[in-house]
């Protein structure tokens, strides 16, 4: 929830997942981690065109030039965000909804739209409102599991134990 590298990994993988099955990304996650140096955005920010070409040849990841280049671009933007906000966690948690979400009824929210707009204004790519919403769900900013779902109380306990960096 508050680990910058994990947050960066998740927002990148959500971008790669755009238009694809989440199962595809899960099956390729370890190869993504290897190819992108465990999503160390400081290392990724230094990737060159040569690195892009190598990644395009890696059948273990999604070989989409736009998404690969977006990940490199977003790594550079992540460094800027950390310099400004202190951490990615401090930045992302500013967008936590104040009211509970309706159970599994939405694919966007006012907060995911605001996050998407702000990231795009800062030069991020492949971070539309639906991608931002999925990221917010995955990282615990939104818990829209239906009452009675076995996951809902687990997420609520994790959220309660988490100290928001806002």
Foldseek 3Di string as FASTA:
>chain_A
DQDQQVLLLLLLLLLQCVVHDNVLCVQLVVVVCVLCVSSQLVVLLPDDVVSLVVQLVDPSGPNDSVSSVLSNQVSVLQVVVCVVQVGVLSVLLVLQDPDADAAPPDLFDPSLQVVQVVVVVSPHPSRHRSSSSVSCCVVLSHQRHDPVPPCRVVSVVVVVPDDRPD
